[in-house]
PDB file of N, CA and C in Angstrom:
ATOM      1  N   UNK A   1       0.893  -0.628  -0.084  1.00  0.00           N
ATOM      2  CA  UNK A   1       0.121   0.171  -0.083  1.00  0.00           C
ATOM      3  C   UNK A   1       0.576   1.035  -0.225  1.00  0.00           C
ATOM      4  N   UNK A   2       0.850   2.223  -0.741  1.00  0.00           N
ATOM      5  CA  UNK A   2       1.636   3.378  -0.602  1.00  0.00           C
ATOM      6  C   UNK A   2       0.643   4.774  -0.065  1.00  0.00           C
ATOM      7  N   UNK A   3       1.946   5.156   1.071  1.00  0.00           N
ATOM      8  CA  UNK A   3       1.582   6.345   1.474  1.00  0.00           C
ATOM      9  C   UNK A   3       2.185   7.492   0.739  1.00  0.00           C
ATOM     10  N   UNK A   4       1.463   8.550   1.094  1.00  0.00           N
ATOM     11  CA  UNK A   4       1.267   9.919   0.756  1.00  0.00           C
ATOM     12  C   UNK A   4       1.551  10.714   2.000  1.00  0.00           C
ATOM     13  N   UNK A   5       2.600  11.250   1.381  1.00  0.00           N
ATOM     14  CA  UNK A   5       3.650  12.005   2.560  1.00  0.00           C
ATOM     15  C   UNK A   5       4.120  13.511   1.945  1.00  0.00           C
ATOM     16  N   UNK A   6       3.476  14.936   2.894  1.00  0.00           N
ATOM     17  CA  UNK A   6       4.067  16.414   2.718  1.00  0.00           C
ATOM     18  C   UNK A   6       4.950  16.116   3.157  1.00  0.00           C
ATOM     19  N   UNK A   7       6.083  16.656   1.886  1.00  0.00           N
ATOM     20  CA  UNK A   7       6.954  17.052   2.298  1.00  0.00           C
ATOM     21  C   UNK A   7       7.565  18.701   2.045  1.00  0.00           C
ATOM     22  N   UNK A   8       8.147  18.943   3.278  1.00  0.00           N
ATOM     23  CA  UNK A   8       8.937  20.583   3.297  1.00  0.00           C
ATOM     24  C   UNK A   8      10.128  20.518   2.642  1.00  0.00           C
ATOM     25  N   UNK A   9       9.615  21.858   2.442  1.00  0.00           N
ATOM     26  CA  UNK A   9      11.187  22.325   1.950  1.00  0.00           C
ATOM     27  C   UNK A   9      12.374  21.540   2.707  1.00  0.00           C
ATOM     28  N   UNK A  10      13.910  21.619   2.090  1.00  0.00           N
ATOM     29  CA  UNK A  10      14.900  21.098   3.038  1.00  0.00           C
ATOM     30  C   UNK A  10      15.225  22.682   4.015  1.00  0.00           C
ATOM     31  N   UNK A  11      15.055  22.902   5.057  1.00  0.00           N
ATOM     32  CA  UNK A  11      15.707  24.020   5.904  1.00  0.00           C
ATOM     33  C   UNK A  11      14.280  24.450   6.145  1.00  0.00           C
ATOM     34  N   UNK A  12      13.465  24.025   6.479  1.00  0.00           N
ATOM     35  CA  UNK A  12      12.331  24.221   7.102  1.00  0.00           C
ATOM     36  C   UNK A  12      11.702  24.181   8.503  1.00  0.00           C
ATOM     37  N   UNK A  13      10.902  25.317   8.909  1.00  0.00           N
ATOM     38  CA  UNK A  13      10.537  24.440  10.489  1.00  0.00           C
ATOM     39  C   UNK A  13       9.601  23.910  10.517  1.00  0.00           C
ATOM     40  N   UNK A  14       9.098  22.956   9.835  1.00  0.00           N
ATOM     41  CA  UNK A  14       8.169  21.826   9.626  1.00  0.00           C
ATOM     42  C   UNK A  14       8.840  20.480   9.389  1.00  0.00           C
ATOM     43  N   UNK A  15      10.289  20.731   8.748  1.00  0.00           N
ATOM     44  CA  UNK A  15      10.742  19.726   8.573  1.00  0.00           C
ATOM     45  C   UNK A  15      10.898  17.925   9.824  1.00  0.00           C
ATOM     46  N   UNK A  16      10.580  18.654  10.940  1.00  0.00           N
ATOM     47  CA  UNK A  16      10.794  17.853  11.913  1.00  0.00           C
ATOM     48  C   UNK A  16       8.949  17.149  12.900  1.00  0.00           C
ATOM     49  N   UNK A  17       7.834  17.603  11.840  1.00  0.00           N
ATOM     50  CA  UNK A  17       6.813  17.779  11.553  1.00  0.00           C
ATOM     51  C   UNK A  17       6.130  19.284  12.395  1.00  0.00           C
ATOM     52  N   UNK A  18       4.885  19.402  13.400  1.00  0.00           N
ATOM     53  CA  UNK A  18       4.142  20.461  13.489  1.00  0.00           C
ATOM     54  C   UNK A  18       3.287  19.937  13.940  1.00  0.00           C
ATOM     55  N   UNK A  19       2.195  20.655  15.015  1.00  0.00           N
ATOM     56  CA  UNK A  19       0.933  20.228  15.626  1.00  0.00           C
ATOM     57  C   UNK A  19      -0.237  21.518  15.242  1.00  0.00           C
ATOM     58  N   UNK A  20      -0.797  20.848  15.992  1.00  0.00           N
ATOM     59  CA  UNK A  20      -2.351  21.934  15.969  1.00  0.00           C
ATOM     60  C   UNK A  20      -2.845  22.306  17.061  1.00  0.00           C
ATOM     61  N   UNK A  21      -2.722  23.607  17.634  1.00  0.00           N
ATOM     62  CA  UNK A  21      -2.740  23.794  19.318  1.00  0.00           C
ATOM     63  C   UNK A  21      -4.477  24.281  19.256  1.00  0.00           C
ATOM     64  N   UNK A  22      -5.228  24.135  19.844  1.00  0.00           N
ATOM     65  CA  UNK A  22      -6.801  24.764  19.988  1.00  0.00           C
ATOM     66  C   UNK A  22      -6.709  25.800  20.825  1.00  0.00           C
ATOM     67  N   UNK A  23      -7.053  26.838  20.061  1.00  0.00           N
ATOM     68  CA  UNK A  23      -7.413  28.124  20.793  1.00  0.00           C
ATOM     69  C   UNK A  23      -8.032  28.296  21.992  1.00  0.00           C
ATOM     70  N   UNK A  24      -8.502  27.576  22.182  1.00  0.00           N
ATOM     71  CA  UNK A  24      -9.307  27.691  23.669  1.00  0.00           C
ATOM     72  C   UNK A  24      -8.442  27.468  25.013  1.00  0.00           C
ATOM     73  N   UNK A  25      -7.318  26.626  24.653  1.00  0.00           N
ATOM     74  CA  UNK A  25      -6.489  26.359  24.961  1.00  0.00           C
ATOM     75  C   UNK A  25      -5.907  27.017  25.444  1.00  0.00           C
ATOM     76  N   UNK A  26      -5.064  27.847  24.945  1.00  0.00           N
ATOM     77  CA  UNK A  26      -4.281  28.990  24.826  1.00  0.00           C
ATOM     78  C   UNK A  26      -4.856  30.297  25.550  1.00  0.00           C
ATOM     79  N   UNK A  27      -5.726  30.329  25.326  1.00  0.00           N
ATOM     80  CA  UNK A  27      -6.724  31.327  26.177  1.00  0.00           C
ATOM     81  C   UNK A  27      -7.158  31.444  27.719  1.00  0.00           C
ATOM     82  N   UNK A  28      -6.673  30.130  27.700  1.00  0.00           N
ATOM     83  CA  UNK A  28      -7.193  29.306  29.480  1.00  0.00           C
ATOM     84  C   UNK A  28      -6.390  30.360  30.251  1.00  0.00           C
ATOM     85  N   UNK A  29      -7.068  31.227  31.292  1.00  0.00           N
ATOM     86  CA  UNK A  29      -5.866  31.988  31.748  1.00  0.00           C
ATOM     87  C   UNK A  29      -6.003  30.849  33.592  1.00  0.00           C
ATOM     88  N   UNK A  30      -6.587  30.367  33.272  1.00  0.00           N
ATOM     89  CA  UNK A  30      -5.968  29.228  34.728  1.00  0.00           C
ATOM     90  C   UNK A  30      -4.768  28.692  34.410  1.00  0.00           C
ATOM     91  N   UNK A  31      -4.417  28.263  33.025  1.00  0.00           N
ATOM     92  CA  UNK A  31      -3.067  27.769  33.470  1.00  0.00           C
ATOM     93  C   UNK A  31      -2.038  28.532  33.278  1.00  0.00           C
ATOM     94  N   UNK A  32      -0.773  28.645  33.458  1.00  0.00           N
ATOM     95  CA  UNK A  32       0.096  29.351  33.253  1.00  0.00           C
ATOM     96  C   UNK A  32       0.717  29.339  32.183  1.00  0.00           C
ATOM     97  N   UNK A  33       2.148  29.911  31.358  1.00  0.00           N
ATOM     98  CA  UNK A  33       2.734  30.389  30.062  1.00  0.00           C
ATOM     99  C   UNK A  33       3.269  28.790  30.227  1.00  0.00           C
ATOM    100  N   UNK A  34       4.362  28.488  31.312  1.00  0.00           N
ATOM    101  CA  UNK A  34       4.692  27.525  30.972  1.00  0.00           C
ATOM    102  C   UNK A  34       3.798  26.040  31.222  1.00  0.00           C
ATOM    103  N   UNK A  35       2.833  26.002  31.652  1.00  0.00           N
ATOM    104  CA  UNK A  35       1.844  24.843  30.909  1.00  0.00           C
ATOM    105  C   UNK A  35       1.056  25.173  29.493  1.00  0.00           C
ATOM    106  N   UNK A  36       0.526  26.221  28.913  1.00  0.00           N
ATOM    107  CA  UNK A  36       0.809  26.308  27.444  1.00  0.00           C
ATOM    108  C   UNK A  36       1.872  25.801  26.389  1.00  0.00           C
ATOM    109  N   UNK A  37       3.105  25.857  27.103  1.00  0.00           N
ATOM    110  CA  UNK A  37       4.097  25.109  26.165  1.00  0.00           C
ATOM    111  C   UNK A  37       4.337  23.926  25.948  1.00  0.00           C
ATOM    112  N   UNK A  38       3.911  23.358  27.636  1.00  0.00           N
ATOM    113  CA  UNK A  38       3.839  21.581  27.556  1.00  0.00           C
ATOM    114  C   UNK A  38       2.804  21.007  26.951  1.00  0.00           C
ATOM    115  N   UNK A  39       2.069  22.165  26.948  1.00  0.00           N
ATOM    116  CA  UNK A  39       0.850  21.038  25.717  1.00  0.00           C
ATOM    117  C   UNK A  39       0.630  21.466  24.551  1.00  0.00           C
ATOM    118  N   UNK A  40       1.411  23.571  24.402  1.00  0.00           N
ATOM    119  CA  UNK A  40       2.095  23.021  22.863  1.00  0.00           C
ATOM    120  C   UNK A  40       2.815  21.971  22.340  1.00  0.00           C
ATOM    121  N   UNK A  41       3.886  21.521  23.403  1.00  0.00           N
ATOM    122  CA  UNK A  41       5.017  20.638  22.864  1.00  0.00           C
ATOM    123  C   UNK A  41       4.361  18.743  22.312  1.00  0.00           C
ATOM    124  N   UNK A  42       3.127  18.587  23.369  1.00  0.00           N
ATOM    125  CA  UNK A  42       2.625  17.511  23.530  1.00  0.00           C
ATOM    126  C   UNK A  42       1.647  17.634  22.463  1.00  0.00           C
ATOM    127  N   UNK A  43       1.153  19.038  21.209  1.00  0.00           N
ATOM    128  CA  UNK A  43       0.195  18.830  20.290  1.00  0.00           C
ATOM    129  C   UNK A  43       1.463  18.591  18.856  1.00  0.00           C
ATOM    130  N   UNK A  44       2.426  19.547  19.113  1.00  0.00           N
ATOM    131  CA  UNK A  44       3.159  19.194  18.038  1.00  0.00           C
ATOM    132  C   UNK A  44       3.831  17.635  17.646  1.00  0.00           C
ATOM    133  N   UNK A  45       3.936  16.881  19.161  1.00  0.00           N
ATOM    134  CA  UNK A  45       4.133  15.434  18.823  1.00  0.00           C
ATOM    135  C   UNK A  45       2.727  14.702  18.249  1.00  0.00           C
ATOM    136  N   UNK A  46       1.514  14.999  18.007  1.00  0.00           N
ATOM    137  CA  UNK A  46      -0.044  14.434  17.832  1.00  0.00           C
ATOM    138  C   UNK A  46      -0.023  13.266  17.182  1.00  0.00           C
ATOM    139  N   UNK A  47       0.754  14.443  16.102  1.00  0.00           N
ATOM    140  CA  UNK A  47       0.377  13.664  14.369  1.00  0.00           C
ATOM    141  C   UNK A  47      -1.073  14.137  14.631  1.00  0.00           C
ATOM    142  N   UNK A  48      -1.592  12.876  13.607  1.00  0.00           N
ATOM    143  CA  UNK A  48      -3.262  12.211  13.171  1.00  0.00           C
ATOM    144  C   UNK A  48      -3.825  12.096  14.649  1.00  0.00           C
ATOM    145  N   UNK A  49      -3.227  11.675  15.391  1.00  0.00           N
ATOM    146  CA  UNK A  49      -4.485  10.746  16.498  1.00  0.00           C
ATOM    147  C   UNK A  49      -4.027  11.645  17.956  1.00  0.00           C
ATOM    148  N   UNK A  50      -4.447  11.721  18.684  1.00  0.00           N
ATOM    149  CA  UNK A  50      -4.861  12.541  20.376  1.00  0.00           C
ATOM    150  C   UNK A  50      -3.875  12.053  20.843  1.00  0.00           C
ATOM    151  N   UNK A  51      -2.711  11.037  21.082  1.00  0.00           N
ATOM    152  CA  UNK A  51      -1.765  10.833  21.924  1.00  0.00           C
ATOM    153  C   UNK A  51      -0.498  11.168  21.017  1.00  0.00           C
ATOM    154  N   UNK A  52       0.385  11.285  22.935  1.00  0.00           N
ATOM    155  CA  UNK A  52       2.016  11.620  22.293  1.00  0.00           C
ATOM    156  C   UNK A  52       2.696  11.319  23.440  1.00  0.00           C
ATOM    157  N   UNK A  53       3.435  10.837  23.062  1.00  0.00           N
ATOM    158  CA  UNK A  53       4.299  10.007  24.111  1.00  0.00           C
ATOM    159  C   UNK A  53       6.031  10.177  24.446  1.00  0.00           C
ATOM    160  N   UNK A  54       6.502  11.654  24.304  1.00  0.00           N
ATOM    161  CA  UNK A  54       7.771  12.025  24.683  1.00  0.00           C
ATOM    162  C   UNK A  54       8.186  11.645  26.001  1.00  0.00           C
ATOM    163  N   UNK A  55       9.244  11.698  26.047  1.00  0.00           N
ATOM    164  CA  UNK A  55       9.870  11.469  27.702  1.00  0.00           C
ATOM    165  C   UNK A  55       9.261  12.790  28.645  1.00  0.00           C
ATOM    166  N   UNK A  56       9.694  12.839  30.088  1.00  0.00           N
ATOM    167  CA  UNK A  56       9.614  13.822  30.937  1.00  0.00           C
ATOM    168  C   UNK A  56      10.656  14.326  30.645  1.00  0.00           C
ATOM    169  N   UNK A  57      11.887  13.325  30.481  1.00  0.00           N
ATOM    170  CA  UNK A  57      13.264  14.004  30.190  1.00  0.00           C
ATOM    171  C   UNK A  57      13.607  14.938  28.874  1.00  0.00           C
ATOM    172  N   UNK A  58      12.634  14.132  27.499  1.00  0.00           N
ATOM    173  CA  UNK A  58      13.278  14.921  26.718  1.00  0.00           C
ATOM    174  C   UNK A  58      12.201  16.182  26.752  1.00  0.00           C
ATOM    175  N   UNK A  59      10.927  16.398  26.683  1.00  0.00           N
ATOM    176  CA  UNK A  59      10.474  17.187  27.401  1.00  0.00           C
ATOM    177  C   UNK A  59      10.738  18.541  28.370  1.00  0.00           C
ATOM    178  N   UNK A  60      11.380  18.108  29.056  1.00  0.00           N
ATOM    179  CA  UNK A  60      12.577  19.346  30.310  1.00  0.00           C
ATOM    180  C   UNK A  60      13.838  19.580  29.802  1.00  0.00           C
ATOM    181  N   UNK A  61      14.401  18.470  28.212  1.00  0.00           N
ATOM    182  CA  UNK A  61      15.332  19.211  27.852  1.00  0.00           C
ATOM    183  C   UNK A  61      14.620  19.847  27.094  1.00  0.00           C
ATOM    184  N   UNK A  62      13.872  19.674  25.809  1.00  0.00           N
ATOM    185  CA  UNK A  62      13.482  20.753  24.854  1.00  0.00           C
ATOM    186  C   UNK A  62      12.744  21.794  25.248  1.00  0.00           C
ATOM    187  N   UNK A  63      12.335  21.769  26.573  1.00  0.00           N
ATOM    188  CA  UNK A  63      11.765  23.312  27.040  1.00  0.00           C
ATOM    189  C   UNK A  63      12.794  23.759  28.128  1.00  0.00           C
ATOM    190  N   UNK A  64      13.798  23.344  28.231  1.00  0.00           N
ATOM    191  CA  UNK A  64      14.315  23.651  29.485  1.00  0.00           C
ATOM    192  C   UNK A  64      14.393  24.440  30.914  1.00  0.00           C
ATOM    193  N   UNK A  65      13.039  23.208  30.773  1.00  0.00           N
ATOM    194  CA  UNK A  65      12.576  23.448  32.450  1.00  0.00           C
ATOM    195  C   UNK A  65      13.435  21.591  33.464  1.00  0.00           C
ATOM    196  N   UNK A  66      13.790  22.635  34.570  1.00  0.00           N
ATOM    197  CA  UNK A  66      13.507  21.053  35.311  1.00  0.00           C
ATOM    198  C   UNK A  66      12.178  20.147  35.374  1.00  0.00           C
ATOM    199  N   UNK A  67      12.449  19.338  36.156  1.00  0.00           N
ATOM    200  CA  UNK A  67      11.774  17.961  36.032  1.00  0.00           C
ATOM    201  C   UNK A  67      10.259  18.684  37.389  1.00  0.00           C
ATOM    202  N   UNK A  68      10.912  18.844  38.367  1.00  0.00           N
ATOM    203  CA  UNK A  68       9.813  19.724  39.194  1.00  0.00           C
ATOM    204  C   UNK A  68       9.003  20.897  38.470  1.00  0.00           C
ATOM    205  N   UNK A  69       9.241  21.757  37.795  1.00  0.00           N
ATOM    206  CA  UNK A  69       8.994  22.754  37.266  1.00  0.00           C
ATOM    207  C   UNK A  69       7.714  22.182  36.484  1.00  0.00           C
ATOM    208  N   UNK A  70       8.159  21.146  35.650  1.00  0.00           N
ATOM    209  CA  UNK A  70       7.242  20.603  35.008  1.00  0.00           C
ATOM    210  C   UNK A  70       6.035  19.777  35.126  1.00  0.00           C
ATOM    211  N   UNK A  71       6.288  18.874  36.299  1.00  0.00           N
ATOM    212  CA  UNK A  71       5.447  18.418  37.025  1.00  0.00           C
ATOM    213  C   UNK A  71       4.495  19.533  37.258  1.00  0.00           C
ATOM    214  N   UNK A  72       5.195  20.259  37.827  1.00  0.00           N
ATOM    215  CA  UNK A  72       3.832  21.363  38.754  1.00  0.00           C
ATOM    216  C   UNK A  72       3.304  22.296  37.930  1.00  0.00           C
ATOM    217  N   UNK A  73       3.716  22.279  36.426  1.00  0.00           N
ATOM    218  CA  UNK A  73       2.755  23.087  34.851  1.00  0.00           C
ATOM    219  C   UNK A  73       1.711  21.799  34.317  1.00  0.00           C
ATOM    220  N   UNK A  74       1.876  20.226  34.575  1.00  0.00           N
ATOM    221  CA  UNK A  74       1.347  19.260  33.897  1.00  0.00           C
ATOM    222  C   UNK A  74       0.181  19.666  34.362  1.00  0.00           C
ATOM    223  N   UNK A  75       0.216  19.212  36.076  1.00  0.00           N
ATOM    224  CA  UNK A  75      -0.254  19.391  36.936  1.00  0.00           C
ATOM    225  C   UNK A  75      -1.636  20.005  36.323  1.00  0.00           C
ATOM    226  N   UNK A  76      -1.515  21.729  35.934  1.00  0.00           N
ATOM    227  CA  UNK A  76      -2.323  22.490  35.456  1.00  0.00           C
ATOM    228  C   UNK A  76      -3.273  21.673  34.288  1.00  0.00           C
ATOM    229  N   UNK A  77      -2.522  21.051  33.299  1.00  0.00           N
ATOM    230  CA  UNK A  77      -3.081  20.459  32.213  1.00  0.00           C
ATOM    231  C   UNK A  77      -4.311  19.060  32.678  1.00  0.00           C
ATOM    232  N   UNK A  78      -3.770  18.386  33.511  1.00  0.00           N
ATOM    233  CA  UNK A  78      -4.415  17.338  34.184  1.00  0.00           C
ATOM    234  C   UNK A  78      -5.383  17.533  35.023  1.00  0.00           C
ATOM    235  N   UNK A  79      -5.500  18.577  35.817  1.00  0.00           N
ATOM    236  CA  UNK A  79      -6.412  19.213  37.110  1.00  0.00           C
ATOM    237  C   UNK A  79      -7.489  19.974  35.255  1.00  0.00           C
ATOM    238  N   UNK A  80      -7.038  20.798  35.171  1.00  0.00           N
ATOM    239  CA  UNK A  80      -8.226  21.252  33.642  1.00  0.00           C
ATOM    240  C   UNK A  80      -9.267  20.042  33.249  1.00  0.00           C
ATOM    241  N   UNK A  81      -8.075  19.689  32.645  1.00  0.00           N
ATOM    242  CA  UNK A  81      -9.062  17.982  32.151  1.00  0.00           C
ATOM    243  C   UNK A  81      -8.670  18.480  30.541  1.00  0.00           C
ATOM    244  N   UNK A  82      -7.804  18.649  30.162  1.00  0.00           N
ATOM    245  CA  UNK A  82      -6.815  18.720  28.933  1.00  0.00           C
ATOM    246  C   UNK A  82      -6.433  17.329  28.694  1.00  0.00           C
ATOM    247  N   UNK A  83      -5.810  17.242  28.965  1.00  0.00           N
ATOM    248  CA  UNK A  83      -5.040  16.008  28.678  1.00  0.00           C
ATOM    249  C   UNK A  83      -4.939  14.662  30.243  1.00  0.00           C
ATOM    250  N   UNK A  84      -4.640  13.917  29.867  1.00  0.00           N
ATOM    251  CA  UNK A  84      -4.588  11.845  30.948  1.00  0.00           C
ATOM    252  C   UNK A  84      -3.367  11.839  30.543  1.00  0.00           C
ATOM    253  N   UNK A  85      -2.817  11.599  31.635  1.00  0.00           N
ATOM    254  CA  UNK A  85      -1.507  10.693  31.607  1.00  0.00           C
ATOM    255  C   UNK A  85      -1.574   9.150  32.039  1.00  0.00           C
ATOM    256  N   UNK A  86      -1.357   8.412  31.442  1.00  0.00           N
ATOM    257  CA  UNK A  86      -1.230   7.218  30.852  1.00  0.00           C
ATOM    258  C   UNK A  86      -0.493   6.416  31.274  1.00  0.00           C
ATOM    259  N   UNK A  87       0.389   5.553  32.593  1.00  0.00           N
ATOM    260  CA  UNK A  87       1.027   5.275  32.159  1.00  0.00           C
ATOM    261  C   UNK A  87       2.444   3.984  31.920  1.00  0.00           C
ATOM    262  N   UNK A  88       2.741   3.166  31.596  1.00  0.00           N
ATOM    263  CA  UNK A  88       2.782   2.353  30.904  1.00  0.00           C
ATOM    264  C   UNK A  88       4.446   1.357  31.378  1.00  0.00           C
ATOM    265  N   UNK A  89       4.062   0.776  31.444  1.00  0.00           N
ATOM    266  CA  UNK A  89       4.671  -0.518  31.745  1.00  0.00           C
ATOM    267  C   UNK A  89       4.972  -1.768  31.030  1.00  0.00           C
ATOM    268  N   UNK A  90       6.866  -1.972  31.337  1.00  0.00           N
ATOM    269  CA  UNK A  90       7.135  -3.729  30.329  1.00  0.00           C
ATOM    270  C   UNK A  90       6.082  -4.074  30.569  1.00  0.00           C
ATOM    271  N   UNK A  91       5.880  -5.354  29.987  1.00  0.00           N
ATOM    272  CA  UNK A  91       4.848  -6.793  30.398  1.00  0.00           C
ATOM    273  C   UNK A  91       6.147  -7.596  31.503  1.00  0.00           C
ATOM    274  N   UNK A  92       7.226  -7.978  30.981  1.00  0.00           N
ATOM    275  CA  UNK A  92       8.398  -8.884  31.349  1.00  0.00           C
ATOM    276  C   UNK A  92       9.015  -8.335  32.505  1.00  0.00           C
ATOM    277  N   UNK A  93       8.783  -7.351  32.652  1.00  0.00           N
ATOM    278  CA  UNK A  93       9.749  -7.094  33.848  1.00  0.00           C
ATOM    279  C   UNK A  93       9.053  -5.397  35.330  1.00  0.00           C
ATOM    280  N   UNK A  94       8.316  -5.321  34.316  1.00  0.00           N
ATOM    281  CA  UNK A  94       6.768  -4.595  35.233  1.00  0.00           C
ATOM    282  C   UNK A  94       7.349  -3.441  35.376  1.00  0.00           C
ATOM    283  N   UNK A  95       9.005  -2.827  34.569  1.00  0.00           N
ATOM    284  CA  UNK A  95       9.457  -1.522  35.034  1.00  0.00           C
ATOM    285  C   UNK A  95       8.866  -0.803  33.532  1.00  0.00           C
ATOM    286  N   UNK A  96       9.042   0.979  34.374  1.00  0.00           N
ATOM    287  CA  UNK A  96       7.944   1.473  33.876  1.00  0.00           C
ATOM    288  C   UNK A  96       8.113   2.037  32.437  1.00  0.00           C
ATOM    289  N   UNK A  97       8.105   2.553  31.786  1.00  0.00           N
ATOM    290  CA  UNK A  97       8.153   2.446  30.414  1.00  0.00           C
ATOM    291  C   UNK A  97       7.912   4.141  30.312  1.00  0.00           C
ATOM    292  N   UNK A  98       8.072   4.519  29.011  1.00  0.00           N
ATOM    293  CA  UNK A  98       7.365   6.131  28.239  1.00  0.00           C
ATOM    294  C   UNK A  98       6.176   6.449  28.847  1.00  0.00           C
ATOM    295  N   UNK A  99       5.370   7.859  29.269  1.00  0.00           N
ATOM    296  CA  UNK A  99       4.299   7.510  29.717  1.00  0.00           C
ATOM    297  C   UNK A  99       3.398   7.931  28.851  1.00  0.00           C
ATOM    298  N   UNK A 100       2.336   7.588  28.438  1.00  0.00           N
ATOM    299  CA  UNK A 100       1.547   8.344  27.140  1.00  0.00           C
ATOM    300  C   UNK A 100       0.631   9.325  27.367  1.00  0.00           C
ATOM    301  N   UNK A 101       0.457  10.793  27.006  1.00  0.00           N
ATOM    302  CA  UNK A 101      -0.069  11.974  27.346  1.00  0.00           C
ATOM    303  C   UNK A 101      -1.431  12.146  26.418  1.00  0.00           C
ATOM    304  N   UNK A 102      -2.551  11.493  26.712  1.00  0.00           N
ATOM    305  CA  UNK A 102      -4.070  11.817  25.692  1.00  0.00           C
ATOM    306  C   UNK A 102      -4.616  13.263  25.880  1.00  0.00           C
ATOM    307  N   UNK A 103      -4.711  13.898  24.891  1.00  0.00           N
ATOM    308  CA  UNK A 103      -5.011  15.053  24.114  1.00  0.00           C
ATOM    309  C   UNK A 103      -6.116  15.435  24.517  1.00  0.00           C
ATOM    310  N   UNK A 104      -7.127  15.549  25.928  1.00  0.00           N
ATOM    311  CA  UNK A 104      -8.963  15.745  25.850  1.00  0.00           C
ATOM    312  C   UNK A 104      -9.451  16.772  25.084  1.00  0.00           C
ATOM    313  N   UNK A 105     -10.205  15.724  23.750  1.00  0.00           N
ATOM    314  CA  UNK A 105     -10.757  17.086  22.961  1.00  0.00           C
ATOM    315  C   UNK A 105     -12.212  17.626  22.557  1.00  0.00           C
ATOM    316  N   UNK A 106     -12.525  17.147  24.409  1.00  0.00           N
ATOM    317  CA  UNK A 106     -13.820  17.324  24.663  1.00  0.00           C
ATOM    318  C   UNK A 106     -13.803  17.178  26.132  1.00  0.00           C
ATOM    319  N   UNK A 107     -14.642  19.064  26.339  1.00  0.00           N
ATOM    320  CA  UNK A 107     -14.175  19.319  27.584  1.00  0.00           C
ATOM    321  C   UNK A 107     -15.507  19.193  28.970  1.00  0.00           C
ATOM    322  N   UNK A 108     -15.490  18.501  29.921  1.00  0.00           N
ATOM    323  CA  UNK A 108     -16.877  18.494  30.719  1.00  0.00           C
ATOM    324  C   UNK A 108     -17.679  19.476  31.409  1.00  0.00           C
ATOM    325  N   UNK A 109     -17.153  21.346  30.406  1.00  0.00           N
ATOM    326  CA  UNK A 109     -18.145  22.056  30.659  1.00  0.00           C
ATOM    327  C   UNK A 109     -18.231  22.703  30.052  1.00  0.00           C
ATOM    328  N   UNK A 110     -19.260  23.662  29.459  1.00  0.00           N
ATOM    329  CA  UNK A 110     -19.450  24.649  27.739  1.00  0.00           C
ATOM    330  C   UNK A 110     -18.604  25.428  27.995  1.00  0.00           C
ATOM    331  N   UNK A 111     -18.053  25.664  26.162  1.00  0.00           N
ATOM    332  CA  UNK A 111     -16.740  26.533  26.198  1.00  0.00           C
ATOM    333  C   UNK A 111     -17.503  27.862  26.212  1.00  0.00           C
ATOM    334  N   UNK A 112     -18.856  27.986  26.242  1.00  0.00           N
ATOM    335  CA  UNK A 112     -18.861  29.543  26.268  1.00  0.00           C
ATOM    336  C   UNK A 112     -19.559  30.075  27.617  1.00  0.00           C
ATOM    337  N   UNK A 113     -19.040  29.717  28.246  1.00  0.00           N
ATOM    338  CA  UNK A 113     -19.414  30.345  29.764  1.00  0.00           C
ATOM    339  C   UNK A 113     -18.059  31.493  30.267  1.00  0.00           C
ATOM    340  N   UNK A 114     -17.292  31.481  29.063  1.00  0.00           N
ATOM    341  CA  UNK A 114     -16.711  32.689  29.305  1.00  0.00           C
ATOM    342  C   UNK A 114     -16.184  33.215  28.120  1.00  0.00           C
ATOM    343  N   UNK A 115     -17.839  33.421  27.518  1.00  0.00           N
ATOM    344  CA  UNK A 115     -17.757  33.942  26.550  1.00  0.00           C
ATOM    345  C   UNK A 115     -18.037  35.852  26.398  1.00  0.00           C
ATOM    346  N   UNK A 116     -17.191  36.706  25.918  1.00  0.00           N
ATOM    347  CA  UNK A 116     -17.554  37.799  26.029  1.00  0.00           C
ATOM    348  C   UNK A 116     -18.280  38.671  24.655  1.00  0.00           C
ATOM    349  N   UNK A 117     -19.625  39.225  25.112  1.00  0.00           N
ATOM    350  CA  UNK A 117     -20.175  40.008  24.021  1.00  0.00           C
ATOM    351  C   UNK A 117     -19.913  41.140  23.666  1.00  0.00           C
ATOM    352  N   UNK A 118     -19.324  41.796  22.770  1.00  0.00           N
ATOM    353  CA  UNK A 118     -18.898  43.304  21.918  1.00  0.00           C
ATOM    354  C   UNK A 118     -20.108  43.563  21.582  1.00  0.00           C
ATOM    355  N   UNK A 119     -20.233  44.545  21.866  1.00  0.00           N
ATOM    356  CA  UNK A 119     -21.749  45.368  21.295  1.00  0.00           C
ATOM    357  C   UNK A 119     -21.251  47.014  19.957  1.00  0.00           C
ATOM    358  N   UNK A 120     -21.647  47.134  19.552  1.00  0.00           N
ATOM    359  CA  UNK A 120     -21.326  48.577  18.265  1.00  0.00           C
ATOM    360  C   UNK A 120     -22.022  49.405  19.378  1.00  0.00           C
ATOM    361  N   UNK A 121     -21.557  50.665  19.154  1.00  0.00           N
ATOM    362  CA  UNK A 121     -23.220  52.048  19.211  1.00  0.00           C
ATOM    363  C   UNK A 121     -22.206  52.643  18.109  1.00  0.00           C
TER     364      UNK A 121
END
């Protein structure tokens, strides 16, 4: 079976892939800038699904943050219902493997609760 791929020009910023970031997440004032950066980073790994699995070590390295700082801000994303973390284990040894992050696409509350209405006078 032949697969089609979108090829970006050499030297393109898209050469390592990209993701789509929902504006609702970026506008959520409950989230810190660091939490939004982590969410954006995970979106860049999603591809065509809604899961990402970069290691915490890789995320911290690429975002230049400590593990403590990462865990503090990723907790905001979990608490607000934007991601779920699924811990993976190797069957044979029971040793931890990389986590899988599921980006939740439907939220438990209506999106229009914070809408601002503008009127023209």
